[in-house]
């Protein structure tokens, strides 16, 4: 999944990005409100981690503008501990959850997993399709109960297909959700990773829908 981290403190921002990437996400980062507003308006994100105290434009203003223009990705706001007025204002502006600073990274990751589950209409940490299971908490994949070894890009691609199991997904949508802003994949990259996944999965589990994209389906 593709996550936007908006945090102006460089050390914390770097820690957030590393932890999210280790959890299998593609991550973009913005250190001020102006860049965050632009990225959130122009790019497709599955969730946002948003600090409220930002230079150039504050987090609440960004969130309100996103919601007013129909941007409905889940947003987890970061607030100063004890500042309940800020937390209430964030929820009223359209935030889906909040986490006071300082926080444990595992709690942030757990809250983000919950937001992604709810946005996808899921209730469990496991994504399943036939013999294939992906645990979003441990970032591990099993096929017929056996561990499946994947590269980071293969994992991101498979995770997105699993969240949309049965749906036809275009190459452009896949690229939007598995690559960060600073990546520059060529037009054949998605096809290459689809080909690699097909070698590791049961035959016909990833179906090509001519002219439209790809669909993950239960081979049974």
N, C-alpha and C. Protein backbone atom coordinates (compact mmCIF):
# COMPACT_ATOMS: atom_id res chain seq x y z
N UNK A 1 0.84 -1.18 0.00
CA UNK A 1 0.00 0.00 0.00
C UNK A 1 0.89 1.25 0.00
N UNK A 2 0.35 2.35 -0.52
CA UNK A 2 1.13 3.57 -0.63
C UNK A 2 0.70 4.55 0.47
N UNK A 3 1.68 4.97 1.28
CA UNK A 3 1.41 5.79 2.45
C UNK A 3 2.12 7.14 2.31
N UNK A 4 1.44 8.21 2.69
CA UNK A 4 2.06 9.54 2.75
C UNK A 4 2.35 9.88 4.20
N UNK A 5 3.60 10.21 4.51
CA UNK A 5 4.00 10.65 5.84
C UNK A 5 4.24 12.16 5.79
N UNK A 6 3.53 12.90 6.63
CA UNK A 6 3.68 14.35 6.69
C UNK A 6 4.18 14.71 8.08
N UNK A 7 5.46 15.01 8.18
CA UNK A 7 6.10 15.28 9.47
C UNK A 7 7.31 16.19 9.21
N UNK A 8 7.40 17.31 9.94
CA UNK A 8 8.47 18.27 9.69
C UNK A 8 9.72 18.01 10.51
N UNK A 9 9.66 17.11 11.50
CA UNK A 9 10.84 16.79 12.27
C UNK A 9 11.61 15.70 11.53
N UNK A 10 12.81 16.01 11.00
CA UNK A 10 13.50 15.09 10.09
C UNK A 10 13.77 13.70 10.67
N UNK A 11 14.19 13.63 11.93
CA UNK A 11 14.52 12.32 12.51
C UNK A 11 13.28 11.45 12.63
N UNK A 12 12.20 12.02 13.14
CA UNK A 12 10.95 11.26 13.27
C UNK A 12 10.41 10.87 11.90
N UNK A 13 10.49 11.77 10.95
CA UNK A 13 10.01 11.47 9.60
C UNK A 13 10.77 10.28 9.01
N UNK A 14 12.10 10.28 9.18
CA UNK A 14 12.91 9.18 8.66
C UNK A 14 12.57 7.87 9.35
N UNK A 15 12.34 7.92 10.67
CA UNK A 15 11.96 6.71 11.41
C UNK A 15 10.62 6.16 10.92
N UNK A 16 9.65 7.04 10.72
CA UNK A 16 8.35 6.62 10.22
C UNK A 16 8.47 5.97 8.85
N UNK A 17 9.23 6.59 7.98
CA UNK A 17 9.38 6.05 6.62
C UNK A 17 10.04 4.68 6.64
N UNK A 18 11.10 4.53 7.44
CA UNK A 18 11.79 3.24 7.52
C UNK A 18 10.87 2.15 8.06
N UNK A 19 10.11 2.47 9.10
CA UNK A 19 9.23 1.47 9.71
C UNK A 19 8.11 1.06 8.75
N UNK A 20 7.54 2.02 8.04
CA UNK A 20 6.47 1.71 7.09
C UNK A 20 6.99 0.91 5.91
N UNK A 21 8.18 1.25 5.44
CA UNK A 21 8.77 0.48 4.34
C UNK A 21 9.09 -0.95 4.78
N UNK A 22 9.56 -1.10 6.02
CA UNK A 22 9.84 -2.44 6.54
C UNK A 22 8.57 -3.26 6.67
N UNK A 23 7.44 -2.58 6.85
CA UNK A 23 6.14 -3.27 6.94
C UNK A 23 5.56 -3.58 5.56
N UNK A 24 6.29 -3.23 4.51
CA UNK A 24 5.86 -3.60 3.16
C UNK A 24 5.14 -2.53 2.38
N UNK A 25 5.20 -1.27 2.84
CA UNK A 25 4.50 -0.19 2.16
C UNK A 25 5.45 0.62 1.27
N UNK A 26 4.88 1.24 0.25
CA UNK A 26 5.59 2.28 -0.49
C UNK A 26 5.30 3.60 0.22
N UNK A 27 6.34 4.41 0.45
CA UNK A 27 6.18 5.59 1.30
C UNK A 27 6.67 6.85 0.59
N UNK A 28 5.85 7.90 0.66
CA UNK A 28 6.24 9.25 0.26
C UNK A 28 6.26 10.10 1.51
N UNK A 29 7.06 11.15 1.51
CA UNK A 29 7.16 12.01 2.69
C UNK A 29 7.10 13.47 2.28
N UNK A 30 6.52 14.29 3.16
CA UNK A 30 6.48 15.74 2.99
C UNK A 30 6.83 16.38 4.32
N UNK A 31 7.67 17.42 4.28
CA UNK A 31 8.12 18.07 5.49
C UNK A 31 7.45 19.40 5.78
N UNK A 32 6.52 19.80 4.90
CA UNK A 32 5.77 21.03 5.16
C UNK A 32 4.36 20.88 4.59
N UNK A 33 3.48 21.77 5.03
CA UNK A 33 2.08 21.65 4.66
C UNK A 33 1.80 21.88 3.18
N UNK A 34 2.55 22.75 2.57
CA UNK A 34 2.31 23.05 1.15
C UNK A 34 2.58 21.82 0.28
N UNK A 35 3.72 21.16 0.53
CA UNK A 35 4.04 19.95 -0.25
C UNK A 35 3.05 18.83 0.04
N UNK A 36 2.63 18.73 1.31
CA UNK A 36 1.67 17.69 1.68
C UNK A 36 0.35 17.87 0.96
N UNK A 37 -0.14 19.11 0.93
CA UNK A 37 -1.40 19.39 0.26
C UNK A 37 -1.32 19.01 -1.21
N UNK A 38 -0.22 19.37 -1.85
CA UNK A 38 -0.05 19.06 -3.28
C UNK A 38 -0.03 17.54 -3.51
N UNK A 39 0.79 16.83 -2.74
CA UNK A 39 0.89 15.38 -2.94
C UNK A 39 -0.45 14.69 -2.70
N UNK A 40 -1.14 15.10 -1.64
CA UNK A 40 -2.43 14.47 -1.35
C UNK A 40 -3.48 14.73 -2.40
N UNK A 41 -3.36 15.86 -3.08
CA UNK A 41 -4.32 16.19 -4.15
C UNK A 41 -3.98 15.50 -5.47
N UNK A 42 -2.69 15.29 -5.71
CA UNK A 42 -2.26 14.82 -7.03
C UNK A 42 -1.98 13.33 -7.12
N UNK A 43 -1.69 12.69 -5.99
CA UNK A 43 -1.29 11.28 -6.00
C UNK A 43 -2.32 10.42 -5.28
N UNK A 44 -2.30 9.13 -5.59
CA UNK A 44 -3.24 8.18 -4.97
C UNK A 44 -2.57 7.53 -3.77
N UNK A 45 -3.05 7.84 -2.58
CA UNK A 45 -2.53 7.24 -1.35
C UNK A 45 -3.60 6.38 -0.68
N UNK A 46 -3.13 5.29 -0.06
CA UNK A 46 -4.05 4.42 0.66
C UNK A 46 -4.27 4.89 2.09
N UNK A 47 -3.34 5.69 2.61
CA UNK A 47 -3.49 6.26 3.95
C UNK A 47 -2.46 7.37 4.12
N UNK A 48 -2.71 8.25 5.11
CA UNK A 48 -1.81 9.36 5.41
C UNK A 48 -1.55 9.40 6.91
N UNK A 49 -0.29 9.60 7.28
CA UNK A 49 0.10 9.91 8.65
C UNK A 49 0.40 11.40 8.67
N UNK A 50 -0.40 12.19 9.41
CA UNK A 50 -0.36 13.65 9.29
C UNK A 50 -0.09 14.32 10.63
N UNK A 51 1.06 14.99 10.73
CA UNK A 51 1.33 15.83 11.89
C UNK A 51 0.55 17.13 11.72
N UNK A 52 0.06 17.69 12.81
CA UNK A 52 -0.75 18.90 12.70
C UNK A 52 0.08 20.18 12.74
N UNK A 53 1.21 20.15 13.47
CA UNK A 53 2.03 21.36 13.57
C UNK A 53 3.09 21.40 12.47
N UNK A 54 2.74 22.02 11.34
CA UNK A 54 3.60 22.01 10.17
C UNK A 54 3.93 23.44 9.72
N UNK A 55 5.11 23.64 9.11
CA UNK A 55 5.39 24.95 8.51
C UNK A 55 4.62 25.14 7.21
N UNK A 56 4.39 26.40 6.85
CA UNK A 56 3.75 26.84 5.60
C UNK A 56 2.24 26.65 5.59
N UNK A 57 1.77 25.53 6.09
CA UNK A 57 0.33 25.28 6.15
C UNK A 57 0.08 24.21 7.21
N UNK A 58 -0.81 24.48 8.16
CA UNK A 58 -1.00 23.54 9.26
C UNK A 58 -1.81 22.32 8.82
N UNK A 59 -1.66 21.25 9.61
CA UNK A 59 -2.29 19.98 9.27
C UNK A 59 -3.80 20.02 9.19
N UNK A 60 -4.45 20.78 10.08
CA UNK A 60 -5.92 20.86 10.04
C UNK A 60 -6.40 21.50 8.75
N UNK A 61 -5.71 22.55 8.30
CA UNK A 61 -6.10 23.20 7.04
C UNK A 61 -5.95 22.25 5.86
N UNK A 62 -4.87 21.47 5.87
CA UNK A 62 -4.65 20.49 4.80
C UNK A 62 -5.78 19.47 4.80
N UNK A 63 -6.09 18.94 5.98
CA UNK A 63 -7.12 17.90 6.09
C UNK A 63 -8.48 18.42 5.63
N UNK A 64 -8.83 19.63 6.06
CA UNK A 64 -10.11 20.20 5.64
C UNK A 64 -10.18 20.35 4.12
N UNK A 65 -9.10 20.81 3.51
CA UNK A 65 -9.10 20.99 2.05
C UNK A 65 -9.20 19.65 1.34
N UNK A 66 -8.51 18.64 1.84
CA UNK A 66 -8.63 17.31 1.23
C UNK A 66 -10.07 16.81 1.28
N UNK A 67 -10.68 16.92 2.43
CA UNK A 67 -12.05 16.41 2.57
C UNK A 67 -13.04 17.22 1.73
N UNK A 68 -12.83 18.52 1.64
CA UNK A 68 -13.73 19.36 0.84
C UNK A 68 -13.66 19.04 -0.64
N UNK A 69 -12.51 18.56 -1.09
CA UNK A 69 -12.35 18.21 -2.51
C UNK A 69 -12.58 16.73 -2.76
N UNK A 70 -13.07 16.00 -1.75
CA UNK A 70 -13.44 14.60 -1.96
C UNK A 70 -12.33 13.59 -1.77
N UNK A 71 -11.19 14.00 -1.23
CA UNK A 71 -10.11 13.05 -0.97
C UNK A 71 -10.45 12.28 0.31
N UNK A 72 -10.73 10.98 0.18
CA UNK A 72 -11.28 10.22 1.29
C UNK A 72 -10.34 9.17 1.86
N UNK A 73 -9.03 9.25 1.57
CA UNK A 73 -8.10 8.27 2.12
C UNK A 73 -8.06 8.39 3.65
N UNK A 74 -7.87 7.26 4.36
CA UNK A 74 -7.80 7.32 5.81
C UNK A 74 -6.63 8.19 6.27
N UNK A 75 -6.87 9.00 7.31
CA UNK A 75 -5.85 9.89 7.84
C UNK A 75 -5.68 9.65 9.33
N UNK A 76 -4.43 9.36 9.73
CA UNK A 76 -4.06 9.23 11.13
C UNK A 76 -3.29 10.48 11.52
N UNK A 77 -3.83 11.29 12.44
CA UNK A 77 -3.15 12.52 12.83
C UNK A 77 -2.27 12.28 14.05
N UNK A 78 -1.14 13.01 14.07
CA UNK A 78 -0.22 13.00 15.20
C UNK A 78 -0.39 14.31 15.95
N UNK A 79 -0.60 14.23 17.27
CA UNK A 79 -0.85 15.43 18.05
C UNK A 79 0.03 15.45 19.30
N UNK A 80 0.16 16.63 19.90
CA UNK A 80 0.88 16.75 21.16
C UNK A 80 0.07 16.09 22.27
N UNK A 81 0.75 15.34 23.14
CA UNK A 81 0.06 14.63 24.21
C UNK A 81 -0.67 15.63 25.13
N UNK A 82 -1.90 15.34 25.45
CA UNK A 82 -2.66 16.19 26.35
C UNK A 82 -3.42 17.31 25.67
N UNK A 83 -3.16 17.55 24.39
CA UNK A 83 -3.86 18.64 23.70
C UNK A 83 -5.16 18.10 23.10
N UNK A 84 -6.16 17.93 23.98
CA UNK A 84 -7.40 17.30 23.52
C UNK A 84 -8.18 18.19 22.56
N UNK A 85 -8.01 19.53 22.67
CA UNK A 85 -8.70 20.42 21.73
C UNK A 85 -8.25 20.14 20.29
N UNK A 86 -6.95 19.90 20.12
CA UNK A 86 -6.40 19.62 18.79
C UNK A 86 -6.92 18.29 18.26
N UNK A 87 -7.03 17.31 19.14
CA UNK A 87 -7.52 16.00 18.71
C UNK A 87 -8.98 16.08 18.28
N UNK A 88 -9.78 16.81 19.06
CA UNK A 88 -11.19 16.97 18.69
C UNK A 88 -11.32 17.70 17.36
N UNK A 89 -10.53 18.76 17.19
CA UNK A 89 -10.57 19.52 15.93
C UNK A 89 -10.17 18.64 14.75
N UNK A 90 -9.19 17.76 14.97
CA UNK A 90 -8.75 16.86 13.89
C UNK A 90 -9.83 15.88 13.49
N UNK A 91 -10.50 15.29 14.47
CA UNK A 91 -11.59 14.35 14.17
C UNK A 91 -12.72 15.09 13.44
N UNK A 92 -13.05 16.28 13.91
CA UNK A 92 -14.11 17.06 13.26
C UNK A 92 -13.74 17.47 11.83
N UNK A 93 -12.44 17.63 11.58
CA UNK A 93 -12.00 18.02 10.24
C UNK A 93 -11.97 16.85 9.27
N UNK A 94 -12.14 15.62 9.80
CA UNK A 94 -12.19 14.46 8.91
C UNK A 94 -11.14 13.41 9.16
N UNK A 95 -10.38 13.53 10.26
CA UNK A 95 -9.39 12.49 10.57
C UNK A 95 -10.10 11.21 10.99
N UNK A 96 -9.45 10.08 10.73
CA UNK A 96 -10.02 8.77 11.07
C UNK A 96 -9.52 8.24 12.40
N UNK A 97 -8.37 8.73 12.84
CA UNK A 97 -7.82 8.31 14.13
C UNK A 97 -6.74 9.32 14.51
N UNK A 98 -6.30 9.26 15.76
CA UNK A 98 -5.23 10.14 16.20
C UNK A 98 -4.29 9.38 17.11
N UNK A 99 -3.06 9.87 17.22
CA UNK A 99 -2.06 9.26 18.08
C UNK A 99 -1.24 10.38 18.70
N UNK A 100 -1.26 10.50 20.05
CA UNK A 100 -0.50 11.56 20.69
C UNK A 100 1.00 11.26 20.74
N UNK A 101 1.82 12.29 20.62
CA UNK A 101 3.27 12.15 20.74
C UNK A 101 3.68 12.30 22.20
N UNK A 102 4.75 11.59 22.63
CA UNK A 102 5.50 10.58 21.88
C UNK A 102 4.71 9.26 21.83
N UNK A 103 5.02 8.43 20.87
CA UNK A 103 4.28 7.19 20.70
C UNK A 103 5.24 6.05 20.39
N UNK A 104 4.76 4.84 20.56
CA UNK A 104 5.52 3.65 20.18
C UNK A 104 5.20 3.34 18.72
N UNK A 105 6.23 3.04 17.95
CA UNK A 105 6.05 2.79 16.52
C UNK A 105 5.11 1.62 16.27
N UNK A 106 5.16 0.61 17.13
CA UNK A 106 4.27 -0.55 16.94
C UNK A 106 2.81 -0.15 17.06
N UNK A 107 2.51 0.81 17.95
CA UNK A 107 1.13 1.26 18.06
C UNK A 107 0.70 2.00 16.81
N UNK A 108 1.59 2.83 16.27
CA UNK A 108 1.25 3.54 15.02
C UNK A 108 0.98 2.54 13.90
N UNK A 109 1.83 1.53 13.78
CA UNK A 109 1.65 0.55 12.72
C UNK A 109 0.34 -0.22 12.91
N UNK A 110 0.00 -0.54 14.16
CA UNK A 110 -1.25 -1.26 14.43
C UNK A 110 -2.46 -0.40 14.08
N UNK A 111 -2.42 0.88 14.46
CA UNK A 111 -3.53 1.77 14.13
C UNK A 111 -3.67 1.94 12.62
N UNK A 112 -2.54 2.01 11.93
CA UNK A 112 -2.58 2.16 10.47
C UNK A 112 -3.14 0.90 9.82
N UNK A 113 -2.76 -0.26 10.32
CA UNK A 113 -3.33 -1.51 9.79
C UNK A 113 -4.84 -1.51 9.97
N UNK A 114 -5.31 -1.05 11.13
CA UNK A 114 -6.76 -1.02 11.39
C UNK A 114 -7.46 -0.08 10.41
N UNK A 115 -6.86 1.08 10.14
CA UNK A 115 -7.46 2.01 9.18
C UNK A 115 -7.53 1.40 7.79
N UNK A 116 -6.47 0.73 7.38
CA UNK A 116 -6.45 0.11 6.06
C UNK A 116 -7.47 -1.03 5.98
N UNK A 117 -7.61 -1.79 7.07
CA UNK A 117 -8.63 -2.85 7.07
C UNK A 117 -10.02 -2.26 6.90
N UNK A 118 -10.32 -1.24 7.67
CA UNK A 118 -11.66 -0.66 7.61
C UNK A 118 -11.94 -0.04 6.25
N UNK A 119 -10.94 0.62 5.67
CA UNK A 119 -11.15 1.25 4.36
C UNK A 119 -11.38 0.22 3.28
N UNK A 120 -10.85 -1.00 3.49
CA UNK A 120 -11.04 -2.07 2.52
C UNK A 120 -12.19 -3.00 2.88
N UNK A 121 -12.94 -2.66 3.93
CA UNK A 121 -14.06 -3.50 4.34
C UNK A 121 -13.65 -4.81 4.96
N UNK A 122 -12.46 -4.86 5.58
CA UNK A 122 -11.95 -6.09 6.17
C UNK A 122 -11.95 -5.98 7.69
N UNK A 123 -11.95 -7.12 8.36
CA UNK A 123 -11.95 -7.14 9.83
C UNK A 123 -10.75 -7.86 10.41
N UNK A 124 -9.94 -8.51 9.58
CA UNK A 124 -8.81 -9.29 10.08
C UNK A 124 -7.51 -8.79 9.47
N UNK A 125 -6.40 -9.18 10.12
CA UNK A 125 -5.07 -8.82 9.60
C UNK A 125 -4.66 -9.71 8.43
N UNK A 126 -5.37 -10.79 8.22
CA UNK A 126 -5.02 -11.71 7.14
C UNK A 126 -5.82 -11.40 5.88
N UNK A 127 -5.10 -11.35 4.76
CA UNK A 127 -5.73 -11.24 3.44
C UNK A 127 -5.65 -12.62 2.80
N UNK A 128 -6.77 -13.15 2.33
CA UNK A 128 -6.80 -14.51 1.81
C UNK A 128 -7.46 -14.57 0.44
N UNK A 129 -6.96 -15.47 -0.38
CA UNK A 129 -7.59 -15.80 -1.66
C UNK A 129 -7.21 -17.24 -1.98
N UNK A 130 -8.16 -18.15 -1.84
CA UNK A 130 -7.87 -19.56 -2.08
C UNK A 130 -6.76 -20.05 -1.16
N UNK A 131 -5.70 -20.65 -1.71
CA UNK A 131 -4.62 -21.20 -0.88
C UNK A 131 -3.62 -20.15 -0.42
N UNK A 132 -3.84 -18.88 -0.78
CA UNK A 132 -2.88 -17.82 -0.53
C UNK A 132 -3.31 -16.98 0.67
N UNK A 133 -2.37 -16.74 1.60
CA UNK A 133 -2.64 -15.93 2.79
C UNK A 133 -1.50 -14.95 3.01
N UNK A 134 -1.87 -13.69 3.28
CA UNK A 134 -0.88 -12.66 3.60
C UNK A 134 -1.25 -12.04 4.95
N UNK A 135 -0.31 -12.08 5.88
CA UNK A 135 -0.51 -11.49 7.21
C UNK A 135 0.05 -10.08 7.19
N UNK A 136 -0.82 -9.07 7.28
CA UNK A 136 -0.36 -7.68 7.20
C UNK A 136 0.42 -7.28 8.44
N UNK A 137 0.25 -7.99 9.55
CA UNK A 137 0.95 -7.65 10.78
C UNK A 137 2.41 -8.09 10.72
N UNK A 138 2.66 -9.28 10.22
CA UNK A 138 4.02 -9.82 10.15
C UNK A 138 4.66 -9.66 8.77
N UNK A 139 3.85 -9.23 7.78
CA UNK A 139 4.33 -9.08 6.40
C UNK A 139 4.86 -10.41 5.86
N UNK A 140 4.14 -11.50 6.17
CA UNK A 140 4.52 -12.82 5.69
C UNK A 140 3.41 -13.40 4.81
N UNK A 141 3.84 -14.15 3.81
CA UNK A 141 2.91 -14.73 2.86
C UNK A 141 3.07 -16.25 2.88
N UNK A 142 1.93 -16.96 2.87
CA UNK A 142 1.95 -18.42 2.82
C UNK A 142 1.08 -18.92 1.67
N UNK A 143 1.55 -19.97 1.03
CA UNK A 143 0.80 -20.64 -0.02
C UNK A 143 0.62 -22.09 0.38
N UNK A 144 -0.63 -22.51 0.55
CA UNK A 144 -0.93 -23.86 1.05
C UNK A 144 -0.20 -24.13 2.37
N UNK A 145 -0.09 -23.10 3.20
CA UNK A 145 0.53 -23.25 4.51
C UNK A 145 2.04 -23.14 4.53
N UNK A 146 2.64 -23.03 3.34
CA UNK A 146 4.10 -22.95 3.25
C UNK A 146 4.54 -21.51 2.99
N UNK A 147 5.65 -21.06 3.63
CA UNK A 147 6.12 -19.69 3.43
C UNK A 147 6.47 -19.43 1.96
N UNK A 148 6.13 -18.24 1.49
CA UNK A 148 6.41 -17.83 0.13
C UNK A 148 7.39 -16.66 0.17
N UNK A 149 8.52 -16.81 -0.48
CA UNK A 149 9.55 -15.77 -0.47
C UNK A 149 9.30 -14.79 -1.61
N UNK A 150 9.18 -13.50 -1.25
CA UNK A 150 8.90 -12.46 -2.23
C UNK A 150 9.86 -11.29 -2.04
N UNK A 151 10.14 -10.57 -3.13
CA UNK A 151 10.87 -9.32 -3.01
C UNK A 151 9.91 -8.25 -2.50
N UNK A 152 10.44 -7.09 -2.14
CA UNK A 152 9.58 -6.03 -1.60
C UNK A 152 8.54 -5.58 -2.62
N UNK A 153 8.91 -5.47 -3.89
CA UNK A 153 7.96 -5.04 -4.91
C UNK A 153 6.93 -6.12 -5.20
N UNK A 154 7.37 -7.39 -5.20
CA UNK A 154 6.41 -8.48 -5.38
C UNK A 154 5.41 -8.51 -4.22
N UNK A 155 5.89 -8.26 -2.99
CA UNK A 155 5.01 -8.25 -1.83
C UNK A 155 3.97 -7.13 -1.96
N UNK A 156 4.40 -5.93 -2.32
CA UNK A 156 3.46 -4.81 -2.44
C UNK A 156 2.41 -5.08 -3.51
N UNK A 157 2.86 -5.62 -4.63
CA UNK A 157 1.94 -5.91 -5.73
C UNK A 157 0.93 -6.97 -5.31
N UNK A 158 1.41 -8.04 -4.68
CA UNK A 158 0.51 -9.11 -4.27
C UNK A 158 -0.46 -8.63 -3.19
N UNK A 159 0.03 -7.81 -2.26
CA UNK A 159 -0.84 -7.30 -1.20
C UNK A 159 -1.98 -6.48 -1.79
N UNK A 160 -1.68 -5.66 -2.79
CA UNK A 160 -2.74 -4.85 -3.38
C UNK A 160 -3.74 -5.72 -4.14
N UNK A 161 -3.24 -6.70 -4.87
CA UNK A 161 -4.14 -7.62 -5.57
C UNK A 161 -5.02 -8.38 -4.58
N UNK A 162 -4.45 -8.79 -3.44
CA UNK A 162 -5.23 -9.52 -2.44
C UNK A 162 -6.31 -8.65 -1.82
N UNK A 163 -6.00 -7.38 -1.57
CA UNK A 163 -7.02 -6.48 -1.00
C UNK A 163 -8.18 -6.27 -1.97
N UNK A 164 -7.91 -6.47 -3.25
CA UNK A 164 -8.95 -6.29 -4.27
C UNK A 164 -9.24 -7.61 -4.98
N UNK A 165 -9.11 -8.72 -4.26
CA UNK A 165 -9.28 -10.05 -4.86
C UNK A 165 -10.61 -10.14 -5.60
N UNK A 166 -10.55 -10.56 -6.86
CA UNK A 166 -11.74 -10.67 -7.70
C UNK A 166 -12.01 -9.46 -8.56
N UNK A 167 -11.36 -8.33 -8.26
CA UNK A 167 -11.55 -7.11 -9.05
C UNK A 167 -10.51 -7.03 -10.16
N UNK A 168 -10.87 -6.42 -11.26
CA UNK A 168 -9.92 -6.15 -12.33
C UNK A 168 -9.22 -4.82 -12.03
N UNK A 169 -7.89 -4.84 -12.02
CA UNK A 169 -7.10 -3.66 -11.66
C UNK A 169 -6.16 -3.33 -12.81
N UNK A 170 -6.17 -2.09 -13.24
CA UNK A 170 -5.34 -1.68 -14.36
C UNK A 170 -3.87 -1.57 -13.94
N UNK A 171 -2.97 -1.59 -14.93
CA UNK A 171 -1.54 -1.42 -14.65
C UNK A 171 -1.26 -0.07 -14.02
N UNK A 172 -1.95 0.97 -14.49
CA UNK A 172 -1.71 2.30 -13.95
C UNK A 172 -2.12 2.40 -12.49
N UNK A 173 -3.23 1.76 -12.11
CA UNK A 173 -3.65 1.78 -10.71
C UNK A 173 -2.67 1.01 -9.85
N UNK A 174 -2.21 -0.13 -10.33
CA UNK A 174 -1.21 -0.88 -9.57
C UNK A 174 0.04 -0.05 -9.35
N UNK A 175 0.51 0.63 -10.40
CA UNK A 175 1.72 1.45 -10.27
C UNK A 175 1.52 2.57 -9.27
N UNK A 176 0.33 3.18 -9.27
CA UNK A 176 0.05 4.28 -8.35
C UNK A 176 0.13 3.85 -6.89
N UNK A 177 -0.21 2.60 -6.63
CA UNK A 177 -0.33 2.16 -5.23
C UNK A 177 0.86 1.37 -4.72
N UNK A 178 1.80 0.99 -5.58
CA UNK A 178 2.93 0.20 -5.07
C UNK A 178 4.27 0.92 -5.22
N UNK A 179 4.29 2.07 -5.90
CA UNK A 179 5.52 2.82 -6.05
C UNK A 179 5.42 4.16 -5.35
N UNK A 180 6.52 4.61 -4.74
CA UNK A 180 6.57 5.92 -4.13
C UNK A 180 6.79 6.98 -5.19
N UNK A 181 6.67 8.24 -4.78
CA UNK A 181 6.72 9.38 -5.70
C UNK A 181 8.05 9.48 -6.44
N UNK A 182 9.15 9.11 -5.76
CA UNK A 182 10.47 9.28 -6.37
C UNK A 182 10.88 8.08 -7.23
N UNK A 183 10.00 7.10 -7.36
CA UNK A 183 10.28 5.97 -8.25
C UNK A 183 9.91 6.34 -9.68
N UNK A 184 10.58 5.72 -10.63
CA UNK A 184 10.31 6.01 -12.03
C UNK A 184 10.25 4.71 -12.83
N UNK A 185 9.23 3.88 -12.57
CA UNK A 185 9.14 2.60 -13.28
C UNK A 185 8.78 2.79 -14.75
N UNK A 186 9.35 1.97 -15.61
CA UNK A 186 8.96 2.06 -17.01
C UNK A 186 7.66 1.30 -17.22
N UNK A 187 7.14 1.40 -18.43
CA UNK A 187 5.80 0.87 -18.70
C UNK A 187 5.71 -0.64 -18.57
N UNK A 188 6.85 -1.34 -18.61
CA UNK A 188 6.82 -2.80 -18.56
C UNK A 188 7.07 -3.36 -17.16
N UNK A 189 7.33 -2.48 -16.18
CA UNK A 189 7.71 -2.96 -14.86
C UNK A 189 6.62 -3.81 -14.21
N UNK A 190 5.37 -3.36 -14.28
CA UNK A 190 4.28 -4.13 -13.67
C UNK A 190 4.17 -5.50 -14.33
N UNK A 191 4.31 -5.56 -15.64
CA UNK A 191 4.24 -6.84 -16.33
C UNK A 191 5.36 -7.78 -15.86
N UNK A 192 6.53 -7.21 -15.61
CA UNK A 192 7.66 -8.02 -15.15
C UNK A 192 7.35 -8.64 -13.79
N UNK A 193 6.84 -7.84 -12.86
CA UNK A 193 6.54 -8.36 -11.53
C UNK A 193 5.34 -9.31 -11.54
N UNK A 194 4.37 -9.05 -12.41
CA UNK A 194 3.26 -10.00 -12.57
C UNK A 194 3.81 -11.34 -13.04
N UNK A 195 4.73 -11.30 -13.99
CA UNK A 195 5.34 -12.53 -14.50
C UNK A 195 6.08 -13.29 -13.42
N UNK A 196 6.78 -12.55 -12.55
CA UNK A 196 7.51 -13.21 -11.46
C UNK A 196 6.55 -13.83 -10.45
N UNK A 197 5.48 -13.11 -10.14
CA UNK A 197 4.50 -13.66 -9.20
C UNK A 197 3.84 -14.92 -9.76
N UNK A 198 3.55 -14.91 -11.05
CA UNK A 198 2.88 -16.07 -11.65
C UNK A 198 3.73 -17.33 -11.52
N UNK A 199 5.05 -17.19 -11.51
CA UNK A 199 5.94 -18.35 -11.37
C UNK A 199 5.88 -18.91 -9.96
N UNK A 200 5.43 -18.11 -9.00
CA UNK A 200 5.40 -18.54 -7.60
C UNK A 200 4.01 -18.94 -7.13
N UNK A 201 2.99 -18.68 -7.95
CA UNK A 201 1.61 -18.96 -7.57
C UNK A 201 1.02 -20.06 -8.44
N UNK A 202 -0.13 -20.63 -8.04
CA UNK A 202 -0.78 -21.64 -8.88
C UNK A 202 -1.12 -21.09 -10.26
N UNK A 203 -1.13 -21.93 -11.28
CA UNK A 203 -1.46 -21.49 -12.63
C UNK A 203 -2.82 -20.79 -12.69
N UNK A 204 -2.87 -19.73 -13.46
CA UNK A 204 -4.10 -18.98 -13.71
C UNK A 204 -4.63 -18.23 -12.49
N UNK A 205 -3.85 -18.16 -11.40
CA UNK A 205 -4.36 -17.44 -10.24
C UNK A 205 -4.38 -15.92 -10.52
N UNK A 206 -3.40 -15.43 -11.28
CA UNK A 206 -3.43 -14.04 -11.74
C UNK A 206 -3.90 -14.05 -13.19
N UNK A 207 -5.07 -13.55 -13.41
CA UNK A 207 -5.69 -13.56 -14.74
C UNK A 207 -5.47 -12.22 -15.44
N UNK A 208 -5.09 -12.27 -16.71
CA UNK A 208 -4.99 -11.07 -17.52
C UNK A 208 -6.34 -10.83 -18.20
N UNK A 209 -6.91 -9.65 -17.97
CA UNK A 209 -8.15 -9.27 -18.63
C UNK A 209 -7.78 -8.31 -19.75
N UNK A 210 -7.87 -8.77 -20.96
CA UNK A 210 -7.34 -8.03 -22.11
C UNK A 210 -7.88 -6.60 -22.17
N UNK A 211 -6.96 -5.67 -22.27
CA UNK A 211 -7.31 -4.27 -22.41
C UNK A 211 -7.70 -3.57 -21.12
N UNK A 212 -7.79 -4.34 -20.00
CA UNK A 212 -8.24 -3.75 -18.74
C UNK A 212 -7.22 -3.87 -17.61
N UNK A 213 -6.57 -5.03 -17.49
CA UNK A 213 -5.61 -5.18 -16.41
C UNK A 213 -5.52 -6.60 -15.91
N UNK A 214 -5.42 -6.76 -14.59
CA UNK A 214 -5.21 -8.06 -13.98
C UNK A 214 -6.22 -8.30 -12.87
N UNK A 215 -6.47 -9.59 -12.62
CA UNK A 215 -7.39 -9.98 -11.56
C UNK A 215 -6.81 -11.19 -10.83
N UNK A 216 -6.80 -11.10 -9.48
CA UNK A 216 -6.40 -12.25 -8.67
C UNK A 216 -7.65 -13.04 -8.32
N UNK A 217 -7.62 -14.35 -8.52
CA UNK A 217 -8.80 -15.15 -8.26
C UNK A 217 -8.42 -16.48 -7.65
N UNK A 218 -9.37 -17.08 -6.98
CA UNK A 218 -9.18 -18.40 -6.37
C UNK A 218 -9.11 -19.44 -7.49
N UNK A 219 -8.00 -20.15 -7.61
CA UNK A 219 -7.88 -21.14 -8.71
C UNK A 219 -8.89 -22.27 -8.62
N UNK A 220 -9.50 -22.46 -7.44
CA UNK A 220 -10.49 -23.54 -7.29
C UNK A 220 -11.83 -23.12 -7.87
